[in-house]
Amino acid sequence: MADKKYLQQLQKDFEKFQNAPKYSLDSEELFCVCRKPDNGELMVACDGCDEWFHFKCMKIDKKYKNLVNNYYCLFCDDLFNKGKSIWKKKCKLSLCYEPIDGESQFCCLDHGNKYWREFLEKFDNTNNEYTNINNNEIISKSQIENLIQSVNIKDELLEIGNHFPVFDKNELIVTPEQQLEINDNINSIKILQLDIENLTFKLNYLSKLKDIISHLNEFLSLSLDPKIEITELENNSKDTSKKRKNSKLNKKQKKFKVDLCGFDRRLSLNNKEWIEFTKSNDVKQITDFNTISKENETVFKNTYENMKKYIEGGDDTINIKSDNILSNFCISDKRKCHLHNGWFNIMKDGLELKINENIAQVEKMSKDNEKLQQFIQIKNWKIYCDEI
């Protein structure tokens, strides 16, 4: 970031530049901070103010003239923050200052060939320059040529050397402490992954539970509405349809609505009990639930009414012997159930947080093992090379 004194001086220079004459006495247009006419000297246009500036005055080497992509003068850049100058990528050949061609690293095919020829020629005199070095440690020109020819695209060449080679010369030497740490991490990862699997199942169970509660609310609201005089829901005659329609049209009071709390008491099971539950047939009541069949509509309705009577009678030790899924749910009104207030969001957020924490731990332990195993590989390679 530019300092205060520099910006103050730059402000003065800008004011001087702005107040300078735009034309000479001969009516020639003047350019740059030097306020000289166009005499053929190399200039560049600023993308911020559209003024023209000499390369020399802006202290830009002329060899970069073809590399300008977007240029912002000192005033637009440092003083007004209109933008930063952007330069095109230069050809990889050291003495060439032309921009690269597309995705290539060179401006043209000839310069690409020249670069690699010069690169390979560096290895011709390797033996002469390093006569005291073991030949096994020297990369020859032919090896480099084979390496380059073994790849098809630039990315494959750049990938070479990114991965450490696996030690395969002798039996890998691992200390007892290192092996213990690796094994401990592996075991911990397995436990965490199993925990993630169980937590994810519980999260999916929770989502399914929400869908079921929504379905039950809709069914019970319709079947128990006192304003709809239908004694049997399976009766789909025209008379029944008319009664339903007429009763709806005549409604002026607040719409009857069942809004279950829906908390499933099995969500309170400890880890061991929950795992046992997930392996039982009871869990399929939830996971396999799609809709209330016609033959079970009366059962659901009666179960709900019986449970409601128990609660209203003050008996909170509900023990209704029924295979109906309602028998495990809290059927209190959602808005009035203080015991389970906000249970769905609380459990959902808690499960998601725990899953993310476990995933982060697994990733950390996996990276720790990778680093340790890489260290062991490097150590073994060093021992091997020292013994040669």
Foldseek 3Di string as FASTA:
>chain_A
DDDPVVLVVVVVLVVLQVPDDQADPVRAGFAASVGHHCPPADWDAAPQPRGIHGCVVQVHDPLQVQFWDHHHGCCVVVPVNVDHTDTAQAAPQPVHNHHPDPPDSHVDPVSVVVVVVVVLVVQPCVCVVCVPDDPVPGDHSVNVVVLVVVDDDPVVSVCPPVDDDFDDPDPQDDDPVLVVLLVVLVVLLVVLVVVLVLLVVVLVLLVLLVVVQVQLFVLLLVVVFPLQPDPAPVDPDPVSVVSRVVSVVPDDDDRRTFRFLWDFPLVPDPPVSSVVVVPDPLSCLRVVDDHQDRVCSVVSNVVLVVVVVCVVVVNPPQDDPDSHSCSRTGRDGQVPPPVCPPVSVVSNVVSVVSSVVSVVSSVVSVVVSVVSVVVSRVVVVVVVVVVD
